[in-house]
Each structure stands twice: as structure tokens, then as C-alpha cells.
Amino acid sequence: MAELIIVMQPTLKHYADYWLMGQASKLCSHAEIIAWADQLLEESDHPADWMIELSTSQDKHLLDVIHLLDCIPGERDFEVSFRLLIAKLGVVYPIVLPENGRFAQPEHSQLFSKLYFLINKHNELSDDLQKCIYQIYSDLDDIEQGYCDWSVIQQDYEELLCAGRDYKQWIDFKAA
């Protein structure tokens, strides 16, 4: 039975964790983080120091940016943050095609490994999200060993993207 997921507008902390995961998976750029901070500054009458620091972080080391994101106050909910990441995944890679008709392209293989790492690191994610990632990861191995064909991955991937569908509206930050 599918779990009922209530879609709520992400908080600043949800975004901070989304950006952290986006950086780890290479789905989000530093320029997008700056665009988000710029938008927050435009909307805020009294911006927090971290907003200003992120907005002007183009020359900062990635570890400094990660530290700023990690220090954003609020309550974590990796479920929301991960669903934002899955929404971003659907924008960056709306489909995944095999290389040579059979094997995962290197960037997709690396990406799925990073997603697998993230769900293991944040084990409080819902069963449906964990299952989707585990299934893709397992099926990639089965395909390489010749036990099934690429259509299995396409089906699994579409199911994964559905998990972020309702969060797509909240990930559009245009880098200048």
C-alpha cells in the first residue's frame, strides 16, 4: 500500500538540506544556491546574516557554503528535502537512457550511487523512496549481468520521479 504523503511548502531548513544533498549529488550548482539566497533577500525586510553571506558566496570555498547551509535554523525533514532533490533530478535527467543499449551511462551510474548513499545516510526516509532507489540500484546490477533489460530501469526511474512530482513547483531558482 502506498504511503500518503502530505505536500507542504518547504521551509528554509528543508531547502538548506536540499541544497546540501544537491551539492553532494551534483544535481544543484553553487549559482542556484546564490540565486535562492538572492530571492530570499529580495523577499525579506530583515534578512538573516546567512542569507547575505550565501548571496555573496560566489568566491567562497564549497566547504564554507556547506557550513552556511548547515547552520540555517529550523527543523529538519529529510523526506521533504529528498523529494525536492527528486524533483530536481526529473528536471536535470527527465529520462535515463542506456549506453551501448545495455549499461548505465557513467554519470547516471554515479548519480544512482550517490542517491543510494544519501538514502542510507538519512534512513528516516519513507519506505517508498527507499524502495525506489534500492530497486534501481539492484536492477542496474541485474542488467549488467544480463538478467533483465533496460526497460526495467525506465519503469523504476519513472516511479522515482513521481515521488518528486508535487515538489517541482518549488525548485525553480534561476542563476543570474
C-alpha atoms as a PDB file:
ATOM      1  CA  MET A   1       0.000   0.000   0.000  1.00  0.00           C
ATOM      2  CA  ALA A   2       1.367   3.428  -0.954  1.00  0.00           C
ATOM      3  CA  GLU A   3       2.030   5.856   1.856  1.00  0.00           C
ATOM      4  CA  LEU A   4       0.070   9.087   1.973  1.00  0.00           C
ATOM      5  CA  ILE A   5       2.470  11.996   1.603  1.00  0.00           C
ATOM      6  CA  ILE A   6       1.233  15.435   2.551  1.00  0.00           C
ATOM      7  CA  VAL A   7       2.825  18.049   0.325  1.00  0.00           C
ATOM      8  CA  MET A   8       3.787  21.140   2.238  1.00  0.00           C
ATOM      9  CA  GLN A   9       5.707  24.207   1.204  1.00  0.00           C
ATOM     10  CA  PRO A  10       9.351  23.639   2.108  1.00  0.00           C
ATOM     11  CA  THR A  11      10.886  25.600   4.962  1.00  0.00           C
ATOM     12  CA  LEU A  12      14.277  27.285   4.814  1.00  0.00           C
ATOM     13  CA  LYS A  13      15.809  24.268   6.585  1.00  0.00           C
ATOM     14  CA  HIS A  14      14.256  21.895   4.034  1.00  0.00           C
ATOM     15  CA  TYR A  15      15.878  23.955   1.295  1.00  0.00           C
ATOM     16  CA  ALA A  16      19.203  24.030   3.122  1.00  0.00           C
ATOM     17  CA  ASP A  17      19.245  20.233   3.273  1.00  0.00           C
ATOM     18  CA  TYR A  18      18.061  20.023  -0.350  1.00  0.00           C
ATOM     19  CA  TRP A  19      20.991  22.218  -1.415  1.00  0.00           C
ATOM     20  CA  LEU A  20      23.393  20.112   0.657  1.00  0.00           C
ATOM     21  CA  MET A  21      22.135  16.901  -0.977  1.00  0.00           C
ATOM     22  CA  GLY A  22      22.074  18.627  -4.360  1.00  0.00           C
ATOM     23  CA  GLN A  23      25.721  19.554  -3.973  1.00  0.00           C
ATOM     24  CA  ALA A  24      26.643  16.017  -2.862  1.00  0.00           C
ATOM     25  CA  SER A  25      24.828  14.501  -5.856  1.00  0.00           C
ATOM     26  CA  LYS A  26      25.965  17.248  -8.254  1.00  0.00           C
ATOM     27  CA  LEU A  27      22.356  17.983  -9.221  1.00  0.00           C
ATOM     28  CA  CYS A  28      22.475  21.557  -7.910  1.00  0.00           C
ATOM     29  CA  SER A  29      25.004  24.262  -8.614  1.00  0.00           C
ATOM     30  CA  HIS A  30      26.508  26.905  -6.407  1.00  0.00           C
ATOM     31  CA  ALA A  31      24.969  29.515  -8.746  1.00  0.00           C
ATOM     32  CA  GLU A  32      21.487  28.119  -7.960  1.00  0.00           C
ATOM     33  CA  ILE A  33      22.148  28.419  -4.231  1.00  0.00           C
ATOM     34  CA  ILE A  34      23.158  32.050  -4.753  1.00  0.00           C
ATOM     35  CA  ALA A  35      20.007  32.662  -6.833  1.00  0.00           C
ATOM     36  CA  TRP A  36      17.911  31.210  -3.988  1.00  0.00           C
ATOM     37  CA  ALA A  37      19.671  33.441  -1.437  1.00  0.00           C
ATOM     38  CA  ASP A  38      19.175  36.458  -3.735  1.00  0.00           C
ATOM     39  CA  GLN A  39      15.460  35.685  -3.934  1.00  0.00           C
ATOM     40  CA  LEU A  40      15.272  35.417  -0.148  1.00  0.00           C
ATOM     41  CA  LEU A  41      16.986  38.798   0.186  1.00  0.00           C
ATOM     42  CA  GLU A  42      14.518  40.395  -2.214  1.00  0.00           C
ATOM     43  CA  GLU A  43      11.575  38.995  -0.259  1.00  0.00           C
ATOM     44  CA  SER A  44      12.883  39.795   3.225  1.00  0.00           C
ATOM     45  CA  ASP A  45      12.502  43.050   5.132  1.00  0.00           C
ATOM     46  CA  HIS A  46      15.093  41.879   7.666  1.00  0.00           C
ATOM     47  CA  PRO A  47      17.413  39.343   6.020  1.00  0.00           C
ATOM     48  CA  ALA A  48      19.421  36.998   8.190  1.00  0.00           C
ATOM     49  CA  ASP A  49      23.203  37.205   8.050  1.00  0.00           C
ATOM     50  CA  TRP A  50      23.414  33.766   6.429  1.00  0.00           C
ATOM     51  CA  MET A  51      21.218  34.987   3.541  1.00  0.00           C
ATOM     52  CA  ILE A  52      23.635  37.810   2.834  1.00  0.00           C
ATOM     53  CA  GLU A  53      26.644  35.512   3.173  1.00  0.00           C
ATOM     54  CA  LEU A  54      25.143  32.933   0.797  1.00  0.00           C
ATOM     55  CA  SER A  55      24.129  35.624  -1.666  1.00  0.00           C
ATOM     56  CA  THR A  56      27.714  36.884  -1.814  1.00  0.00           C
ATOM     57  CA  SER A  57      29.378  33.456  -1.670  1.00  0.00           C
ATOM     58  CA  GLN A  58      30.466  33.132  -5.302  1.00  0.00           C
ATOM     59  CA  ASP A  59      34.151  33.246  -4.294  1.00  0.00           C
ATOM     60  CA  LYS A  60      33.774  31.153  -1.130  1.00  0.00           C
ATOM     61  CA  HIS A  61      35.112  27.638  -0.843  1.00  0.00           C
ATOM     62  CA  LEU A  62      32.481  24.917  -1.168  1.00  0.00           C
ATOM     63  CA  LEU A  63      33.060  23.833   2.452  1.00  0.00           C
ATOM     64  CA  ASP A  64      32.218  27.381   3.621  1.00  0.00           C
ATOM     65  CA  VAL A  65      28.982  27.264   1.616  1.00  0.00           C
ATOM     66  CA  ILE A  66      28.154  23.864   3.088  1.00  0.00           C
ATOM     67  CA  HIS A  67      28.779  25.235   6.582  1.00  0.00           C
ATOM     68  CA  LEU A  68      26.457  28.194   5.905  1.00  0.00           C
ATOM     69  CA  LEU A  69      23.716  25.873   4.663  1.00  0.00           C
ATOM     70  CA  ASP A  70      24.142  23.544   7.610  1.00  0.00           C
ATOM     71  CA  CYS A  71      23.768  26.449  10.051  1.00  0.00           C
ATOM     72  CA  ILE A  72      20.392  27.598   8.694  1.00  0.00           C
ATOM     73  CA  PRO A  73      17.980  27.309  11.611  1.00  0.00           C
ATOM     74  CA  GLY A  74      14.919  25.129  11.580  1.00  0.00           C
ATOM     75  CA  GLU A  75      13.689  21.598  11.968  1.00  0.00           C
ATOM     76  CA  ARG A  76      14.991  19.017   9.535  1.00  0.00           C
ATOM     77  CA  ASP A  77      12.717  16.802   7.499  1.00  0.00           C
ATOM     78  CA  PHE A  78      14.840  14.851   5.052  1.00  0.00           C
ATOM     79  CA  GLU A  79      11.704  13.432   3.438  1.00  0.00           C
ATOM     80  CA  VAL A  80      10.751  16.888   2.135  1.00  0.00           C
ATOM     81  CA  SER A  81      14.347  17.762   1.220  1.00  0.00           C
ATOM     82  CA  PHE A  82      14.859  14.476  -0.612  1.00  0.00           C
ATOM     83  CA  ARG A  83      11.606  14.900  -2.545  1.00  0.00           C
ATOM     84  CA  LEU A  84      12.843  18.336  -3.633  1.00  0.00           C
ATOM     85  CA  LEU A  85      16.016  16.603  -4.803  1.00  0.00           C
ATOM     86  CA  ILE A  86      13.996  14.030  -6.752  1.00  0.00           C
ATOM     87  CA  ALA A  87      12.045  16.893  -8.376  1.00  0.00           C
ATOM     88  CA  LYS A  88      15.389  18.415  -9.404  1.00  0.00           C
ATOM     89  CA  LEU A  89      16.517  15.019 -10.698  1.00  0.00           C
ATOM     90  CA  GLY A  90      13.487  14.965 -13.010  1.00  0.00           C
ATOM     91  CA  VAL A  91      14.434  18.384 -14.394  1.00  0.00           C
ATOM     92  CA  VAL A  92      18.112  17.542 -14.914  1.00  0.00           C
ATOM     93  CA  TYR A  93      17.517  13.994 -16.174  1.00  0.00           C
ATOM     94  CA  PRO A  94      13.900  13.613 -17.355  1.00  0.00           C
ATOM     95  CA  ILE A  95      14.860  10.213 -18.791  1.00  0.00           C
ATOM     96  CA  VAL A  96      17.836   7.919 -18.411  1.00  0.00           C
ATOM     97  CA  LEU A  97      18.998   6.063 -21.470  1.00  0.00           C
ATOM     98  CA  PRO A  98      21.458   3.182 -21.554  1.00  0.00           C
ATOM     99  CA  GLU A  99      24.918   3.383 -23.025  1.00  0.00           C
ATOM    100  CA  ASN A 100      25.522   0.839 -25.802  1.00  0.00           C
ATOM    101  CA  GLY A 101      21.921  -0.282 -25.334  1.00  0.00           C
ATOM    102  CA  ARG A 102      22.660  -2.025 -22.071  1.00  0.00           C
ATOM    103  CA  PHE A 103      24.805  -0.300 -19.454  1.00  0.00           C
ATOM    104  CA  ALA A 104      24.089   2.794 -17.409  1.00  0.00           C
ATOM    105  CA  GLN A 105      25.835   5.916 -18.605  1.00  0.00           C
ATOM    106  CA  PRO A 106      28.684   6.769 -16.211  1.00  0.00           C
ATOM    107  CA  GLU A 107      27.011   9.961 -14.909  1.00  0.00           C
ATOM    108  CA  HIS A 108      23.787   8.067 -14.206  1.00  0.00           C
ATOM    109  CA  SER A 109      25.613   5.237 -12.501  1.00  0.00           C
ATOM    110  CA  GLN A 110      27.473   7.725 -10.294  1.00  0.00           C
ATOM    111  CA  LEU A 111      24.264   9.603  -9.575  1.00  0.00           C
ATOM    112  CA  PHE A 112      22.396   6.471  -8.509  1.00  0.00           C
ATOM    113  CA  SER A 113      25.328   5.526  -6.274  1.00  0.00           C
ATOM    114  CA  LYS A 114      25.134   8.963  -4.631  1.00  0.00           C
ATOM    115  CA  LEU A 115      21.369   8.666  -4.169  1.00  0.00           C
ATOM    116  CA  TYR A 116      21.873   5.206  -2.678  1.00  0.00           C
ATOM    117  CA  PHE A 117      24.429   6.685  -0.273  1.00  0.00           C
ATOM    118  CA  LEU A 118      22.021   9.510   0.667  1.00  0.00           C
ATOM    119  CA  ILE A 119      19.128   7.197   1.490  1.00  0.00           C
ATOM    120  CA  ASN A 120      21.416   5.082   3.643  1.00  0.00           C
ATOM    121  CA  LYS A 121      22.720   8.191   5.392  1.00  0.00           C
ATOM    122  CA  HIS A 122      19.191   9.505   6.001  1.00  0.00           C
ATOM    123  CA  ASN A 123      17.417   6.301   6.937  1.00  0.00           C
ATOM    124  CA  GLU A 124      14.344   8.162   8.177  1.00  0.00           C
ATOM    125  CA  LEU A 125      13.050   8.490   4.603  1.00  0.00           C
ATOM    126  CA  SER A 126       9.754   6.848   3.735  1.00  0.00           C
ATOM    127  CA  ASP A 127       9.697   3.262   2.562  1.00  0.00           C
ATOM    128  CA  ASP A 128       8.532   4.202  -0.935  1.00  0.00           C
ATOM    129  CA  LEU A 129      11.530   6.475  -1.540  1.00  0.00           C
ATOM    130  CA  GLN A 130      13.975   3.959  -0.161  1.00  0.00           C
ATOM    131  CA  LYS A 131      12.396   1.179  -2.191  1.00  0.00           C
ATOM    132  CA  CYS A 132      12.649   3.169  -5.440  1.00  0.00           C
ATOM    133  CA  ILE A 133      16.349   3.861  -5.007  1.00  0.00           C
ATOM    134  CA  TYR A 134      17.162   0.331  -3.813  1.00  0.00           C
ATOM    135  CA  GLN A 135      15.239  -1.118  -6.750  1.00  0.00           C
ATOM    136  CA  ILE A 136      17.103   0.977  -9.338  1.00  0.00           C
ATOM    137  CA  TYR A 137      20.428   0.200  -7.728  1.00  0.00           C
ATOM    138  CA  SER A 138      19.645  -3.529  -7.704  1.00  0.00           C
ATOM    139  CA  ASP A 139      18.282  -3.520 -11.251  1.00  0.00           C
ATOM    140  CA  LEU A 140      21.398  -1.785 -12.589  1.00  0.00           C
ATOM    141  CA  ASP A 141      23.425  -4.723 -11.340  1.00  0.00           C
ATOM    142  CA  ASP A 142      20.939  -7.230 -12.824  1.00  0.00           C
ATOM    143  CA  ILE A 143      21.088  -5.505 -16.206  1.00  0.00           C
ATOM    144  CA  GLU A 144      24.874  -5.546 -16.278  1.00  0.00           C
ATOM    145  CA  GLN A 145      24.779  -9.281 -15.525  1.00  0.00           C
ATOM    146  CA  GLY A 146      22.229  -9.832 -18.303  1.00  0.00           C
ATOM    147  CA  TYR A 147      19.261 -10.840 -16.119  1.00  0.00           C
ATOM    148  CA  CYS A 148      16.896  -8.149 -17.467  1.00  0.00           C
ATOM    149  CA  ASP A 149      16.764  -5.311 -19.968  1.00  0.00           C
ATOM    150  CA  TRP A 150      16.839  -1.518 -19.678  1.00  0.00           C
ATOM    151  CA  SER A 151      13.038  -1.178 -19.688  1.00  0.00           C
ATOM    152  CA  VAL A 152      13.107  -2.209 -16.016  1.00  0.00           C
ATOM    153  CA  ILE A 153      15.245   0.832 -15.167  1.00  0.00           C
ATOM    154  CA  GLN A 154      12.986   3.128 -17.167  1.00  0.00           C
ATOM    155  CA  GLN A 155       9.965   1.899 -15.227  1.00  0.00           C
ATOM    156  CA  ASP A 156      11.748   2.192 -11.859  1.00  0.00           C
ATOM    157  CA  TYR A 157      13.019   5.668 -12.764  1.00  0.00           C
ATOM    158  CA  GLU A 158       9.558   6.912 -13.712  1.00  0.00           C
ATOM    159  CA  GLU A 159       8.277   5.665 -10.362  1.00  0.00           C
ATOM    160  CA  LEU A 160      11.094   7.502  -8.582  1.00  0.00           C
ATOM    161  CA  LEU A 161      10.353  10.747 -10.418  1.00  0.00           C
ATOM    162  CA  CYS A 162       6.719  10.518  -9.325  1.00  0.00           C
ATOM    163  CA  ALA A 163       7.959  10.873  -5.741  1.00  0.00           C
ATOM    164  CA  GLY A 164       9.156  14.410  -6.527  1.00  0.00           C
ATOM    165  CA  ARG A 165       6.394  15.461  -8.911  1.00  0.00           C
ATOM    166  CA  ASP A 166       4.499  17.549  -6.339  1.00  0.00           C
ATOM    167  CA  TYR A 167       7.672  19.404  -5.301  1.00  0.00           C
ATOM    168  CA  LYS A 168       8.712  20.566  -8.773  1.00  0.00           C
ATOM    169  CA  GLN A 169       6.983  23.913  -8.278  1.00  0.00           C
ATOM    170  CA  TRP A 170       9.450  24.824  -5.503  1.00  0.00           C
ATOM    171  CA  ILE A 171      12.820  24.202  -7.158  1.00  0.00           C
ATOM    172  CA  ASP A 172      12.984  26.869  -9.848  1.00  0.00           C
ATOM    173  CA  PHE A 173      15.784  29.255  -8.901  1.00  0.00           C
ATOM    174  CA  LYS A 174      17.372  30.844 -11.956  1.00  0.00           C
ATOM    175  CA  ALA A 175      21.044  31.600 -11.681  1.00  0.00           C
ATOM    176  CA  ALA A 176      21.936  35.062 -12.954  1.00  0.00           C
END
